[in-house]
Amino acid sequence: MACINSTGEINDMARKILAAITQPASLEQVALLSGTPLYRIRSGVRELLQAGLVEQKDQLYLATAAGFAAHSKPVSNNPAASPAK
């Protein structure tokens, strides 16, 4: 499941991850804070890292300024912008 759709909008999973890393956190901490299984966090954080929405220092992760902006952007009501399920 992709965290970012074809129009560049983030989904609910990405929002949970970004909300959990307003302070530096390990993947395990992100899983606990977001209530999401660790395997989903690993893949989501990997995608958010590639998109520049998260940065890594040692084993800790933090949302970037772009990540904070993406998280605070209103959710689109356009069904065409939603990722396929």
C-alpha atoms as a PDB file:
ATOM      1  CA  MET A   1       0.000   0.000   0.000  1.00  0.00           C
ATOM      2  CA  ALA A   2       1.570   3.256  -1.146  1.00  0.00           C
ATOM      3  CA  CYS A   3       1.684   6.207   1.238  1.00  0.00           C
ATOM      4  CA  ILE A   4       1.679   8.727  -1.598  1.00  0.00           C
ATOM      5  CA  ASN A   5      -0.756   8.577  -4.500  1.00  0.00           C
ATOM      6  CA  SER A   6      -0.159   9.558  -8.133  1.00  0.00           C
ATOM      7  CA  THR A   7      -1.142  13.185  -7.471  1.00  0.00           C
ATOM      8  CA  GLY A   8       1.396  13.495  -4.642  1.00  0.00           C
ATOM      9  CA  GLU A   9      -1.122  13.446  -1.799  1.00  0.00           C
ATOM     10  CA  ILE A  10      -0.417  11.365   1.283  1.00  0.00           C
ATOM     11  CA  ASN A  11      -2.875   8.783   2.615  1.00  0.00           C
ATOM     12  CA  ASP A  12      -4.044   8.014   6.158  1.00  0.00           C
ATOM     13  CA  MET A  13      -1.087   5.695   6.817  1.00  0.00           C
ATOM     14  CA  ALA A  14       1.376   8.447   5.944  1.00  0.00           C
ATOM     15  CA  ARG A  15      -0.541  10.889   8.143  1.00  0.00           C
ATOM     16  CA  LYS A  16      -0.291   8.474  11.097  1.00  0.00           C
ATOM     17  CA  ILE A  17       3.442   8.063  10.557  1.00  0.00           C
ATOM     18  CA  LEU A  18       4.091  11.787  10.197  1.00  0.00           C
ATOM     19  CA  ALA A  19       2.000  12.545  13.287  1.00  0.00           C
ATOM     20  CA  ALA A  20       4.098  10.049  15.269  1.00  0.00           C
ATOM     21  CA  ILE A  21       7.440  11.580  14.288  1.00  0.00           C
ATOM     22  CA  THR A  22       7.105  15.215  15.227  1.00  0.00           C
ATOM     23  CA  GLN A  23      10.022  14.364  17.535  1.00  0.00           C
ATOM     24  CA  PRO A  24      12.845  11.954  16.637  1.00  0.00           C
ATOM     25  CA  ALA A  25      11.645   8.371  17.085  1.00  0.00           C
ATOM     26  CA  SER A  26      12.725   4.833  16.293  1.00  0.00           C
ATOM     27  CA  LEU A  27      10.613   2.661  14.014  1.00  0.00           C
ATOM     28  CA  GLU A  28       9.422   0.739  17.066  1.00  0.00           C
ATOM     29  CA  GLN A  29       8.341   3.976  18.749  1.00  0.00           C
ATOM     30  CA  VAL A  30       6.527   5.081  15.580  1.00  0.00           C
ATOM     31  CA  ALA A  31       4.658   1.752  15.542  1.00  0.00           C
ATOM     32  CA  LEU A  32       3.605   2.177  19.179  1.00  0.00           C
ATOM     33  CA  LEU A  33       2.632   5.841  18.799  1.00  0.00           C
ATOM     34  CA  SER A  34       0.633   5.244  15.627  1.00  0.00           C
ATOM     35  CA  GLY A  35      -0.927   1.924  16.634  1.00  0.00           C
ATOM     36  CA  THR A  36       0.342   0.412  13.386  1.00  0.00           C
ATOM     37  CA  PRO A  37       2.208  -2.876  12.886  1.00  0.00           C
ATOM     38  CA  LEU A  38       5.975  -2.466  12.582  1.00  0.00           C
ATOM     39  CA  TYR A  39       6.117  -4.045   9.100  1.00  0.00           C
ATOM     40  CA  ARG A  40       3.737  -1.332   7.797  1.00  0.00           C
ATOM     41  CA  ILE A  41       5.811   1.372   9.469  1.00  0.00           C
ATOM     42  CA  ARG A  42       9.018   0.088   7.846  1.00  0.00           C
ATOM     43  CA  SER A  43       7.573   0.223   4.336  1.00  0.00           C
ATOM     44  CA  GLY A  44       5.795   3.527   4.912  1.00  0.00           C
ATOM     45  CA  VAL A  45       8.842   5.253   6.360  1.00  0.00           C
ATOM     46  CA  ARG A  46      10.964   3.944   3.479  1.00  0.00           C
ATOM     47  CA  GLU A  47       8.578   5.552   0.987  1.00  0.00           C
ATOM     48  CA  LEU A  48       8.390   8.805   2.967  1.00  0.00           C
ATOM     49  CA  LEU A  49      12.206   8.923   3.130  1.00  0.00           C
ATOM     50  CA  GLN A  50      12.406   8.599  -0.658  1.00  0.00           C
ATOM     51  CA  ALA A  51       9.844  11.386  -1.048  1.00  0.00           C
ATOM     52  CA  GLY A  52      11.787  13.710   1.277  1.00  0.00           C
ATOM     53  CA  LEU A  53       8.999  13.855   3.859  1.00  0.00           C
ATOM     54  CA  VAL A  54      11.046  12.098   6.547  1.00  0.00           C
ATOM     55  CA  GLU A  55      14.719  12.227   7.440  1.00  0.00           C
ATOM     56  CA  GLN A  56      16.851   9.663   9.265  1.00  0.00           C
ATOM     57  CA  LYS A  57      19.682  10.258  11.684  1.00  0.00           C
ATOM     58  CA  ASP A  58      21.232   7.094  13.053  1.00  0.00           C
ATOM     59  CA  GLN A  59      18.226   4.922  13.932  1.00  0.00           C
ATOM     60  CA  LEU A  60      15.810   7.809  14.555  1.00  0.00           C
ATOM     61  CA  TYR A  61      13.309   9.331  12.136  1.00  0.00           C
ATOM     62  CA  LEU A  62      11.784  12.808  12.006  1.00  0.00           C
ATOM     63  CA  ALA A  63       9.329  14.515   9.675  1.00  0.00           C
ATOM     64  CA  THR A  64      10.949  17.175   7.480  1.00  0.00           C
ATOM     65  CA  ALA A  65       9.424  20.607   6.847  1.00  0.00           C
ATOM     66  CA  ALA A  66       7.868  19.126   3.695  1.00  0.00           C
ATOM     67  CA  GLY A  67       6.512  16.246   5.793  1.00  0.00           C
ATOM     68  CA  PHE A  68       4.931  18.643   8.281  1.00  0.00           C
ATOM     69  CA  ALA A  69       3.399  20.602   5.389  1.00  0.00           C
ATOM     70  CA  ALA A  70       2.032  17.432   3.755  1.00  0.00           C
ATOM     71  CA  HIS A  71       0.565  16.286   7.078  1.00  0.00           C
ATOM     72  CA  SER A  72      -1.186  19.603   7.701  1.00  0.00           C
ATOM     73  CA  LYS A  73      -2.532  19.898   4.140  1.00  0.00           C
ATOM     74  CA  PRO A  74      -6.296  19.266   4.022  1.00  0.00           C
ATOM     75  CA  VAL A  75      -7.410  15.888   2.720  1.00  0.00           C
ATOM     76  CA  SER A  76      -8.711  16.002  -0.839  1.00  0.00           C
ATOM     77  CA  ASN A  77     -12.329  15.042  -1.416  1.00  0.00           C
ATOM     78  CA  ASN A  78     -11.551  14.188  -5.024  1.00  0.00           C
ATOM     79  CA  PRO A  79     -12.125  10.419  -5.487  1.00  0.00           C
ATOM     80  CA  ALA A  80      -9.832  10.459  -8.544  1.00  0.00           C
ATOM     81  CA  ALA A  81      -6.966  11.585  -6.271  1.00  0.00           C
ATOM     82  CA  SER A  82      -7.410   8.667  -3.901  1.00  0.00           C
ATOM     83  CA  PRO A  83      -5.139   5.638  -4.285  1.00  0.00           C
ATOM     84  CA  ALA A  84      -6.710   2.463  -5.605  1.00  0.00           C
ATOM     85  CA  LYS A  85      -7.565  -0.138  -2.983  1.00  0.00           C
END
